[in-house]
């Protein structure tokens, strides 16, 4: 007979406070600008032969955007339009990796990079990370590719210092490796000056990946790959052989948003909104634990002893607060442990409520007190009681985790 379908993973409760990382706030946007962009896209006829580089107009506008926002001297010849970071990673792997090659990925780090590189036949090598980012000393000399997130390391939150950036590029020049730089969270900074992209320091050894998933919405499905024109051209030729492309109408709509300055205005508005949420996280959780990565991005690491992490995560789930931890991102010796808390997709009141629940759980865990059941009102769920029975509570579900790290 027909095999039984696997059971669906548990869904988070409808009234849960979602503090999983990696998700932006998508409910506040300029409706008039959005409609104008799609009307413009609808006015243009459908294309019959997609350009593997992407629309020339959009590549020009992206080059201007990167020069303005990231200080990078790039032209359209350096840019290929992707569907997002995952697609950009796969295109880099298609061009640079294969059976018998070795690819380094930050440990802990973005699980999609490991999956994509392994799918292209490469041996994935965990590369340790500390509070500042990837540790350059001790990197293997036989890596073909190293994937890194220097603007705001995921999940530990470090910003790779300039001296370490220079050592990383010196390592790449010496070994011949290509550094794949995910410009993750580079758009959002708080009280700190921007650091130059690795690509801007050495365009010959770096491929940079960017996306609109965080600045606009994950559903848009547009990103970019920036590199040496010769390598970008090679990727474009290979892309055609696997029938990979980015939607033309979507590219047209994004081009209109850039052309009219709508994306820049949205980004400025969201920087202020995220800064308020980040301030709430620091105010409430700062007194009970050490926070890392709070100077940039949309998530922080609440550092905790390894032994306390599972209990706090489980207690948060019972109280209706979804979050992540460092534990599932490690593939080697761990340097730091804690809670990975996102503040992008929850409203400011929910961020405050969720952080108060977490503060109570962390204080209880440090004092050796058992976590109270949901709705018990002992400094955790008591501040936001829904009457949900404890039996319904689950740790953060895999769909929620995967959604939180999609880009």
Protein backbone atom coordinates (compact mmCIF):
# COMPACT_ATOMS: atom_id res chain seq x y z
CA UNK A 1 0.00 0.00 0.00
CA UNK A 2 0.93 3.65 -0.15
CA UNK A 3 3.46 4.75 2.46
CA UNK A 4 2.07 6.95 5.18
CA UNK A 5 2.92 10.62 4.91
CA UNK A 6 5.33 11.88 7.55
CA UNK A 7 3.66 13.90 10.31
CA UNK A 8 3.74 17.65 9.89
CA UNK A 9 6.11 19.45 12.27
CA UNK A 10 4.43 21.34 15.12
CA UNK A 11 3.33 24.87 14.30
CA UNK A 12 4.02 27.70 16.72
CA UNK A 13 0.96 28.99 18.62
CA UNK A 14 -0.88 31.82 16.86
CA UNK A 15 -0.27 34.22 19.77
CA UNK A 16 3.41 33.37 20.21
CA UNK A 17 5.97 36.16 20.48
CA UNK A 18 8.37 35.46 17.63
CA UNK A 19 11.92 36.38 18.63
CA UNK A 20 13.56 34.01 16.16
CA UNK A 21 16.42 35.78 14.33
CA UNK A 22 16.72 36.73 10.70
CA UNK A 23 13.22 38.06 10.03
CA UNK A 24 12.45 41.71 9.20
CA UNK A 25 9.35 43.75 9.95
CA UNK A 26 7.26 43.61 6.76
CA UNK A 27 4.06 45.34 7.91
CA UNK A 28 5.30 48.91 7.56
CA UNK A 29 5.97 49.92 3.97
CA UNK A 30 5.01 52.66 1.54
CA UNK A 31 1.89 51.28 -0.14
CA UNK A 32 1.90 53.96 -2.87
CA UNK A 33 5.54 53.25 -3.76
CA UNK A 34 4.92 49.50 -3.78
CA UNK A 35 1.92 49.85 -6.11
CA UNK A 36 3.80 52.23 -8.40
CA UNK A 37 6.69 49.76 -8.72
CA UNK A 38 4.40 46.90 -9.72
CA UNK A 39 2.37 49.06 -12.13
CA UNK A 40 5.62 49.96 -13.85
CA UNK A 41 6.61 46.29 -14.03
CA UNK A 42 3.18 45.41 -15.47
CA UNK A 43 3.50 48.06 -18.19
CA UNK A 44 6.53 46.29 -19.66
CA UNK A 45 6.12 43.26 -21.94
CA UNK A 46 7.34 39.87 -20.71
CA UNK A 47 10.80 38.91 -21.86
CA UNK A 48 11.53 35.83 -23.96
CA UNK A 49 15.25 35.39 -23.18
CA UNK A 50 16.25 36.19 -19.57
CA UNK A 51 19.65 37.82 -19.22
CA UNK A 52 21.71 35.59 -16.86
CA UNK A 53 23.38 38.73 -15.47
CA UNK A 54 20.02 40.34 -14.67
CA UNK A 55 18.36 43.43 -16.11
CA UNK A 56 20.98 46.00 -17.18
CA UNK A 57 18.95 48.86 -15.66
CA UNK A 58 18.74 47.12 -12.28
CA UNK A 59 22.47 46.31 -12.31
CA UNK A 60 23.27 49.98 -12.90
CA UNK A 61 20.98 51.03 -10.06
CA UNK A 62 22.43 48.39 -7.73
CA UNK A 63 25.94 49.61 -8.53
CA UNK A 64 24.87 53.14 -7.52
CA UNK A 65 23.23 51.77 -4.37
CA UNK A 66 26.36 49.87 -3.33
CA UNK A 67 28.60 52.86 -4.02
CA UNK A 68 26.33 55.03 -1.88
CA UNK A 69 25.50 52.57 0.91
CA UNK A 70 28.71 50.51 1.16
CA UNK A 71 31.34 52.78 -0.37
CA UNK A 72 32.27 50.18 -3.00
CA UNK A 73 33.66 51.22 -6.37
CA UNK A 74 31.63 48.89 -8.58
CA UNK A 75 29.95 49.08 -11.95
CA UNK A 76 27.23 46.97 -13.58
CA UNK A 77 29.93 44.69 -15.00
CA UNK A 78 30.68 43.57 -11.41
CA UNK A 79 27.08 42.62 -10.63
CA UNK A 80 24.86 39.62 -11.28
CA UNK A 81 21.26 39.75 -10.00
CA UNK A 82 20.29 36.69 -7.93
CA UNK A 83 17.16 35.49 -6.14
CA UNK A 84 18.83 35.99 -2.75
CA UNK A 85 21.79 34.81 -0.73
CA UNK A 86 21.01 31.10 -1.03
CA UNK A 87 20.89 31.37 -4.81
CA UNK A 88 24.10 33.43 -4.81
CA UNK A 89 25.83 30.79 -2.69
CA UNK A 90 24.77 28.07 -5.12
CA UNK A 91 26.05 30.02 -8.12
CA UNK A 92 29.40 30.58 -6.40
CA UNK A 93 29.57 26.87 -5.58
CA UNK A 94 28.67 25.97 -9.17
CA UNK A 95 31.62 28.01 -10.44
CA UNK A 96 34.21 27.33 -7.75
CA UNK A 97 33.48 23.98 -6.08
CA UNK A 98 32.98 20.34 -6.95
CA UNK A 99 34.09 16.85 -5.91
CA UNK A 100 37.53 16.89 -4.34
CA UNK A 101 37.36 20.54 -3.25
CA UNK A 102 37.15 21.86 0.32
CA UNK A 103 34.97 24.78 1.43
CA UNK A 104 35.21 26.52 4.79
CA UNK A 105 32.08 27.65 6.63
CA UNK A 106 31.95 29.55 9.91
CA UNK A 107 31.31 27.40 12.97
CA UNK A 108 28.81 28.26 14.33
CA UNK A 109 27.36 29.66 11.14
CA UNK A 110 24.66 29.77 8.50
CA UNK A 111 23.45 26.21 7.89
CA UNK A 112 22.37 26.93 4.29
CA UNK A 113 26.00 27.53 3.28
CA UNK A 114 26.97 24.08 4.56
CA UNK A 115 24.06 22.47 2.73
CA UNK A 116 24.69 24.25 -0.58
CA UNK A 117 28.43 23.56 -0.65
CA UNK A 118 27.96 19.89 0.23
CA UNK A 119 25.29 19.55 -2.47
CA UNK A 120 27.86 20.72 -5.04
CA UNK A 121 30.23 17.96 -3.95
CA UNK A 122 32.61 19.91 -1.72
CA UNK A 123 33.93 18.74 1.63
CA UNK A 124 32.65 21.28 4.16
CA UNK A 125 35.24 22.33 6.75
CA UNK A 126 34.01 24.00 10.00
CA UNK A 127 36.06 27.16 10.69
CA UNK A 128 35.89 28.35 14.31
CA UNK A 129 34.41 31.73 15.22
CA UNK A 130 34.90 33.84 18.34
CA UNK A 131 33.20 37.00 19.58
CA UNK A 132 34.80 39.06 16.76
CA UNK A 133 34.15 36.71 13.85
CA UNK A 134 36.02 34.01 11.97
CA UNK A 135 39.40 33.08 13.50
CA UNK A 136 42.02 33.54 10.78
CA UNK A 137 44.94 31.91 12.57
CA UNK A 138 44.77 28.20 11.87
CA UNK A 139 42.59 28.39 8.75
CA UNK A 140 43.45 25.44 6.47
CA UNK A 141 45.63 26.27 3.50
CA UNK A 142 43.75 24.06 1.04
CA UNK A 143 40.32 25.69 1.06
CA UNK A 144 38.94 26.63 -2.35
CA UNK A 145 36.25 28.83 -0.76
CA UNK A 146 35.67 30.40 2.66
CA UNK A 147 32.17 31.65 3.50
CA UNK A 148 32.00 34.41 6.12
CA UNK A 149 29.59 37.04 7.53
CA UNK A 150 31.95 39.84 8.64
CA UNK A 151 29.40 42.67 8.99
CA UNK A 152 27.39 40.87 11.72
CA UNK A 153 28.36 37.26 12.22
CA UNK A 154 25.50 34.81 12.37
CA UNK A 155 24.73 33.75 15.06
CA UNK A 156 27.31 35.21 17.49
CA UNK A 157 26.98 38.79 16.28
CA UNK A 158 30.65 39.76 15.91
CA UNK A 159 31.89 42.50 13.56
CA UNK A 160 35.20 41.42 12.04
CA UNK A 161 37.82 44.04 13.05
CA UNK A 162 39.91 45.75 10.39
CA UNK A 163 43.22 44.03 11.38
CA UNK A 164 41.56 40.62 11.16
CA UNK A 165 39.98 41.52 7.81
CA UNK A 166 43.44 42.35 6.51
CA UNK A 167 44.86 39.05 7.83
CA UNK A 168 41.98 37.13 6.25
CA UNK A 169 42.64 38.71 2.85
CA UNK A 170 46.38 38.05 3.19
CA UNK A 171 45.52 34.39 3.88
CA UNK A 172 43.30 34.30 0.77
CA UNK A 173 46.05 35.80 -1.41
CA UNK A 174 48.61 33.34 -0.05
CA UNK A 175 46.42 30.23 -0.49
CA UNK A 176 44.51 31.25 -3.62
CA UNK A 177 41.15 30.84 -1.87
CA UNK A 178 38.08 32.87 -2.76
CA UNK A 179 36.31 34.54 0.16
CA UNK A 180 32.52 34.51 -0.25
CA UNK A 181 31.38 37.49 1.82
CA UNK A 182 27.75 37.45 2.92
CA UNK A 183 27.02 41.13 3.64
CA UNK A 184 24.47 39.98 6.23
CA UNK A 185 22.99 42.83 8.32
CA UNK A 186 25.41 45.42 6.91
CA UNK A 187 22.52 47.88 6.45
CA UNK A 188 21.68 48.12 10.15
CA UNK A 189 24.16 49.68 12.61
CA UNK A 190 23.65 51.32 16.00
CA UNK A 191 26.13 53.76 17.54
CA UNK A 192 29.04 52.42 15.47
CA UNK A 193 30.69 53.47 12.23
CA UNK A 194 30.42 51.15 9.20
CA UNK A 195 33.34 48.85 8.50
CA UNK A 196 34.51 48.46 4.90
CA UNK A 197 33.36 45.38 3.05
CA UNK A 198 36.00 42.74 2.41
CA UNK A 199 35.22 43.11 -1.28
CA UNK A 200 36.17 46.79 -1.15
CA UNK A 201 39.53 45.90 0.42
CA UNK A 202 40.44 43.29 -2.20
CA UNK A 203 38.03 42.79 -5.13
CA UNK A 204 40.32 40.17 -6.69
CA UNK A 205 39.84 37.64 -3.87
CA UNK A 206 36.26 38.28 -2.71
CA UNK A 207 32.76 37.56 -3.99
CA UNK A 208 30.14 39.61 -2.13
CA UNK A 209 26.54 38.50 -1.69
CA UNK A 210 23.67 40.82 -0.79
CA UNK A 211 19.90 40.58 -0.62
CA UNK A 212 16.72 42.58 -0.11
CA UNK A 213 15.35 39.96 2.30
CA UNK A 214 16.12 42.08 5.36
CA UNK A 215 15.89 45.59 3.91
CA UNK A 216 12.53 45.03 2.21
CA UNK A 217 11.02 41.54 2.57
CA UNK A 218 12.08 37.90 2.09
CA UNK A 219 9.19 37.40 -0.32
CA UNK A 220 10.68 39.78 -2.92
CA UNK A 221 13.37 37.27 -3.90
CA UNK A 222 16.05 39.59 -5.27
CA UNK A 223 19.70 39.77 -4.31
CA UNK A 224 23.06 40.37 -5.93
CA UNK A 225 26.46 38.85 -6.43
CA UNK A 226 29.43 41.20 -6.79
CA UNK A 227 32.83 40.16 -8.04
CA UNK A 228 35.58 40.43 -10.60
CA UNK A 229 34.00 40.84 -14.05
CA UNK A 230 35.76 37.75 -15.41
CA UNK A 231 34.43 35.51 -12.62
CA UNK A 232 30.97 37.13 -12.80
CA UNK A 233 30.94 36.39 -16.53
CA UNK A 234 31.87 32.77 -15.91
CA UNK A 235 29.06 32.45 -13.37
CA UNK A 236 26.60 33.99 -15.84
CA UNK A 237 27.57 31.46 -18.53
CA UNK A 238 27.23 28.55 -16.10
CA UNK A 239 23.93 29.93 -14.87
CA UNK A 240 22.45 29.66 -18.32
CA UNK A 241 23.44 25.98 -18.53
CA UNK A 242 21.37 25.13 -15.43
CA UNK A 243 18.38 27.30 -16.48
CA UNK A 244 18.66 29.46 -13.38
CA UNK A 245 17.25 32.99 -13.52
CA UNK A 246 15.69 35.81 -11.53
CA UNK A 247 12.14 36.92 -12.36
CA UNK A 248 12.13 39.79 -14.85
CA UNK A 249 8.99 41.54 -13.54
CA UNK A 250 10.33 41.38 -9.98
CA UNK A 251 13.61 42.94 -11.14
CA UNK A 252 11.64 45.70 -12.90
CA UNK A 253 9.71 46.46 -9.71
CA UNK A 254 12.89 46.60 -7.60
CA UNK A 255 14.52 48.86 -10.16
CA UNK A 256 11.61 51.30 -9.83
CA UNK A 257 11.91 51.27 -6.02
CA UNK A 258 15.61 52.11 -6.33
CA UNK A 259 15.14 54.68 -9.07
CA UNK A 260 12.59 56.69 -7.08
CA UNK A 261 14.55 56.50 -3.81
CA UNK A 262 11.78 54.45 -2.19
CA UNK A 263 14.13 51.74 -0.98
CA UNK A 264 16.47 54.26 0.65
CA UNK A 265 13.56 55.96 2.42
CA UNK A 266 12.25 52.61 3.66
CA UNK A 267 15.70 51.66 4.92
CA UNK A 268 16.10 54.94 6.85
CA UNK A 269 12.68 54.50 8.44
CA UNK A 270 13.36 50.90 9.45
CA UNK A 271 16.77 51.76 10.93
CA UNK A 272 14.99 54.03 13.42
CA UNK A 273 12.34 51.39 14.17
CA UNK A 274 14.86 48.62 14.71
CA UNK A 275 16.99 50.91 16.87
CA UNK A 276 14.01 51.31 19.25
CA UNK A 277 13.56 47.56 19.49
CA UNK A 278 17.26 46.97 19.97
CA UNK A 279 17.26 49.54 22.80
CA UNK A 280 14.41 47.65 24.49
CA UNK A 281 16.34 44.36 24.29
CA UNK A 282 19.45 45.95 25.80
CA UNK A 283 17.48 47.71 28.53
CA UNK A 284 15.63 44.57 29.68
CA UNK A 285 18.17 41.79 29.11
CA UNK A 286 21.40 43.72 29.68
CA UNK A 287 21.11 43.57 33.50
CA UNK A 288 20.70 39.75 33.58
CA UNK A 289 23.21 38.52 30.98
CA UNK A 290 25.99 39.62 28.69
CA UNK A 291 24.75 40.66 25.28
CA UNK A 292 26.89 40.35 22.16
CA UNK A 293 26.25 41.65 18.67
CA UNK A 294 23.95 44.46 19.78
CA UNK A 295 25.77 47.14 17.74
CA UNK A 296 24.41 45.91 14.40
CA UNK A 297 21.79 43.79 12.72
CA UNK A 298 18.46 42.44 13.92
CA UNK A 299 19.59 39.89 16.51
CA UNK A 300 21.69 39.65 19.64
CA UNK A 301 23.40 36.81 21.45
CA UNK A 302 22.48 36.55 25.12
CA UNK A 303 25.54 34.71 26.42
CA UNK A 304 24.78 31.98 28.99
CA UNK A 305 26.56 28.93 30.39
CA UNK A 306 25.96 25.94 28.13
CA UNK A 307 24.15 24.05 30.90
CA UNK A 308 21.46 26.73 31.24
CA UNK A 309 20.58 27.16 27.56
CA UNK A 310 18.22 24.17 27.02
CA UNK A 311 16.16 24.93 30.10
CA UNK A 312 15.70 28.59 29.20
CA UNK A 313 14.76 27.74 25.61
CA UNK A 314 12.22 25.15 26.81
CA UNK A 315 10.82 27.54 29.42
CA UNK A 316 10.47 30.26 26.78
CA UNK A 317 8.59 27.87 24.49
CA UNK A 318 6.18 27.00 27.31
CA UNK A 319 5.65 30.72 27.88
CA UNK A 320 4.92 31.32 24.20
CA UNK A 321 8.23 32.95 23.24
CA UNK A 322 10.03 31.60 20.16
CA UNK A 323 13.79 32.06 19.86
CA UNK A 324 16.90 30.20 18.78
CA UNK A 325 20.10 29.12 20.49
CA UNK A 326 23.71 28.62 19.44
CA UNK A 327 23.56 24.88 20.02
CA UNK A 328 22.21 23.76 16.66
CA UNK A 329 24.72 25.91 14.75
CA UNK A 330 27.88 24.33 16.21
CA UNK A 331 29.74 21.59 14.37
CA UNK A 332 32.97 21.64 16.35
CA UNK A 333 34.37 22.98 19.61
CA UNK A 334 32.13 25.81 20.83
CA UNK A 335 33.59 29.13 22.02
CA UNK A 336 30.33 30.75 23.13
CA UNK A 337 26.88 29.56 24.12
CA UNK A 338 23.59 31.36 24.58
CA UNK A 339 20.26 32.49 23.20
CA UNK A 340 19.98 33.97 19.71
CA UNK A 341 17.26 36.60 20.00
CA UNK A 342 15.80 38.37 16.98
CA UNK A 343 13.90 41.62 17.27
CA UNK A 344 13.00 42.24 13.63
CA UNK A 345 9.63 40.56 13.17
CA UNK A 346 7.93 41.25 16.52
CA UNK A 347 6.31 44.57 17.39
CA UNK A 348 8.01 46.80 19.96
CA UNK A 349 5.44 45.90 22.69
CA UNK A 350 5.95 42.18 21.96
CA UNK A 351 9.73 42.59 22.01
CA UNK A 352 9.41 44.14 25.45
CA UNK A 353 7.05 41.44 26.72
CA UNK A 354 9.15 38.64 25.31
CA UNK A 355 12.36 40.03 26.78
CA UNK A 356 10.75 40.43 30.22
CA UNK A 357 9.76 36.77 30.10
CA UNK A 358 13.30 35.81 29.10
CA UNK A 359 14.81 37.99 31.82
CA UNK A 360 12.73 36.17 34.43
CA UNK A 361 13.71 32.77 33.02
CA UNK A 362 17.40 33.67 32.94
CA UNK A 363 17.31 35.00 36.51
CA UNK A 364 15.54 31.83 37.68
CA UNK A 365 18.04 29.61 35.86
CA UNK A 366 21.04 31.42 37.33
CA UNK A 367 19.54 31.11 40.81
CA UNK A 368 18.84 27.42 40.32
CA UNK A 369 15.08 27.89 40.58
CA UNK A 370 12.90 25.58 38.45
CA UNK A 371 11.03 27.22 35.60
CA UNK A 372 7.39 27.95 36.35
CA UNK A 373 4.73 26.32 34.18
CA UNK A 374 2.97 28.42 31.57
CA UNK A 375 0.53 30.85 33.10
CA UNK A 376 1.90 30.45 36.62
CA UNK A 377 2.78 34.11 37.01
CA UNK A 378 6.22 33.66 38.57
CA UNK A 379 8.13 36.33 36.71
CA UNK A 380 7.84 34.59 33.33
CA UNK A 381 4.48 33.94 31.71
CA UNK A 382 2.77 35.84 34.52
CA UNK A 383 3.38 39.04 32.58
CA UNK A 384 1.52 37.75 29.55
CA UNK A 385 -0.84 34.92 30.40
CA UNK A 386 -2.82 33.14 27.73
CA UNK A 387 -3.94 30.12 29.73
CA UNK A 388 -2.22 27.82 27.24
CA UNK A 389 -1.60 24.39 28.82
CA UNK A 390 2.02 23.37 29.10
CA UNK A 391 1.39 20.25 27.01
CA UNK A 392 0.95 22.37 23.87
CA UNK A 393 4.32 24.02 24.21
CA UNK A 394 7.10 22.94 21.90
CA UNK A 395 10.66 24.12 21.35
CA UNK A 396 11.06 26.32 18.32
CA UNK A 397 9.82 24.26 15.37
CA UNK A 398 12.08 23.48 12.42
CA UNK A 399 9.92 25.55 10.00
CA UNK A 400 10.24 28.54 12.33
CA UNK A 401 13.99 28.02 12.60
CA UNK A 402 14.44 27.63 8.86
CA UNK A 403 12.25 30.66 8.19
CA UNK A 404 14.30 32.67 10.64
CA UNK A 405 17.54 32.04 8.78
CA UNK A 406 16.31 32.23 5.19
CA UNK A 407 17.87 34.97 3.12
